[in-house]
Amino acid sequence: MAGSIIGLVWGLSMLRLGHAPFVYSLGHWPHPFRVFSLPHAFGTWVFTCAVAGLIAGWGLMQRLPWARPAALLMNTLAMVYVPFGTLLGLYTLWVLLPREAEQEYRRMTQ
């Protein structure tokens, strides 16, 4: 969840940067148009993943049955964010992936 909170801040800052006035006009075109900027697209992706990670973390804390696979998926996606996302993702895989961890989590959800 800590990585997701960092992702929220990062994603929101990229979304804010994406709303900067990147406006271009085409010669005699009467109205300028906005270009969908790369920071906006990247910020949307990071923000969406962070929200999904927070939901998965909340589900783990509530011991919901769907939370373990969701946390594994979100942390696998977070491994792209070097170095902290990679380290948190590897730690999460190390903790949640063994068969004993799966059996223990199933016992806790019941």
Protein backbone atom coordinates (compact mmCIF):
# COMPACT_ATOMS: atom_id res chain seq x y z
CA MET A 1 0.00 0.00 0.00
CA ALA A 2 2.95 2.31 0.62
CA GLY A 3 4.07 1.88 -2.98
CA SER A 4 0.54 2.65 -4.16
CA ILE A 5 0.43 5.86 -2.14
CA ILE A 6 3.70 6.92 -3.75
CA GLY A 7 2.17 5.96 -7.11
CA LEU A 8 -0.88 8.14 -6.38
CA VAL A 9 1.30 11.17 -5.74
CA TRP A 10 3.43 10.44 -8.79
CA GLY A 11 0.41 9.82 -11.02
CA LEU A 12 -1.38 12.97 -9.88
CA SER A 13 1.72 15.07 -10.51
CA MET A 14 2.06 13.60 -14.00
CA LEU A 15 -1.64 14.27 -14.66
CA ARG A 16 -1.13 17.87 -13.57
CA LEU A 17 1.87 18.16 -15.86
CA GLY A 18 -0.23 16.62 -18.63
CA HIS A 19 -2.68 19.52 -18.37
CA ALA A 20 0.05 22.04 -19.10
CA PRO A 21 -0.78 24.16 -22.13
CA PHE A 22 0.65 22.01 -24.92
CA VAL A 23 -1.38 23.80 -27.58
CA TYR A 24 -0.43 23.81 -31.23
CA SER A 25 -2.04 25.38 -34.26
CA LEU A 26 -1.93 24.27 -37.87
CA GLY A 27 -1.10 27.32 -39.94
CA HIS A 28 -4.45 28.79 -41.00
CA TRP A 29 -6.54 26.46 -38.88
CA PRO A 30 -8.86 28.82 -37.00
CA HIS A 31 -8.81 27.02 -33.63
CA PRO A 32 -5.80 25.62 -31.80
CA PHE A 33 -6.11 22.06 -30.60
CA ARG A 34 -4.79 20.26 -27.54
CA VAL A 35 -2.42 17.39 -28.00
CA PHE A 36 -2.93 14.39 -25.74
CA SER A 37 0.41 14.60 -24.01
CA LEU A 38 2.65 11.74 -22.98
CA PRO A 39 2.79 12.87 -19.32
CA HIS A 40 -1.03 12.77 -19.20
CA ALA A 41 -1.13 9.22 -20.59
CA PHE A 42 1.63 8.06 -18.24
CA GLY A 43 -0.01 9.77 -15.26
CA THR A 44 -3.33 8.09 -16.05
CA TRP A 45 -1.62 4.67 -16.16
CA VAL A 46 0.29 5.21 -12.89
CA PHE A 47 -2.77 6.62 -11.11
CA THR A 48 -4.98 3.73 -12.24
CA CYS A 49 -2.43 1.14 -11.14
CA ALA A 50 -1.99 2.90 -7.79
CA VAL A 51 -5.72 2.90 -7.10
CA ALA A 52 -5.94 -0.80 -8.03
CA GLY A 53 -2.96 -1.49 -5.74
CA LEU A 54 -4.65 0.32 -2.87
CA ILE A 55 -7.81 -1.71 -3.40
CA ALA A 56 -5.78 -4.94 -3.44
CA GLY A 57 -3.93 -3.88 -0.27
CA TRP A 58 -7.21 -3.05 1.45
CA GLY A 59 -8.54 -6.47 0.41
CA LEU A 60 -5.46 -8.15 1.91
CA MET A 61 -5.97 -6.31 5.18
CA GLN A 62 -9.63 -7.40 5.23
CA ARG A 63 -8.56 -10.97 4.29
CA LEU A 64 -10.83 -11.14 1.27
CA PRO A 65 -10.41 -14.19 -1.02
CA TRP A 66 -9.85 -12.17 -4.23
CA ALA A 67 -7.16 -9.94 -2.72
CA ARG A 68 -4.18 -12.32 -2.93
CA PRO A 69 -4.36 -12.82 -6.73
CA ALA A 70 -5.07 -9.10 -7.19
CA ALA A 71 -2.02 -8.17 -5.08
CA LEU A 72 0.16 -10.59 -7.04
CA LEU A 73 -1.01 -9.07 -10.33
CA MET A 74 -0.59 -5.46 -9.22
CA ASN A 75 2.86 -6.05 -7.77
CA THR A 76 3.96 -7.83 -10.93
CA LEU A 77 2.92 -4.72 -12.88
CA ALA A 78 4.67 -2.49 -10.33
CA MET A 79 8.00 -4.22 -10.96
CA VAL A 80 8.41 -1.93 -13.97
CA TYR A 81 9.04 1.04 -11.65
CA VAL A 82 12.75 0.60 -10.96
CA PRO A 83 14.15 0.45 -8.25
CA PHE A 84 11.43 0.70 -5.58
CA GLY A 85 8.63 -1.00 -7.49
CA THR A 86 10.98 -3.81 -8.43
CA LEU A 87 12.06 -4.33 -4.83
CA LEU A 88 8.49 -4.18 -3.46
CA GLY A 89 7.28 -6.48 -6.24
CA LEU A 90 10.00 -9.05 -5.58
CA TYR A 91 9.29 -8.97 -1.85
CA THR A 92 5.57 -9.43 -2.45
CA LEU A 93 6.20 -12.36 -4.78
CA TRP A 94 8.54 -13.89 -2.20
CA VAL A 95 5.89 -13.57 0.54
CA LEU A 96 2.66 -14.38 -1.34
CA LEU A 97 3.72 -16.87 -4.02
CA PRO A 98 4.79 -20.01 -2.06
CA ARG A 99 2.23 -22.78 -1.72
CA GLU A 100 2.36 -22.51 2.08
CA ALA A 101 1.42 -18.84 1.85
CA GLU A 102 -1.55 -19.71 -0.34
CA GLN A 103 -2.78 -22.33 2.12
CA GLU A 104 -2.28 -20.00 5.08
CA TYR A 105 -4.16 -17.18 3.33
CA ARG A 106 -7.04 -19.54 2.53
CA ARG A 107 -7.24 -20.53 6.21
CA MET A 108 -7.27 -16.86 7.22
CA THR A 109 -10.08 -16.00 4.78
CA GLN A 110 -12.39 -18.64 6.27
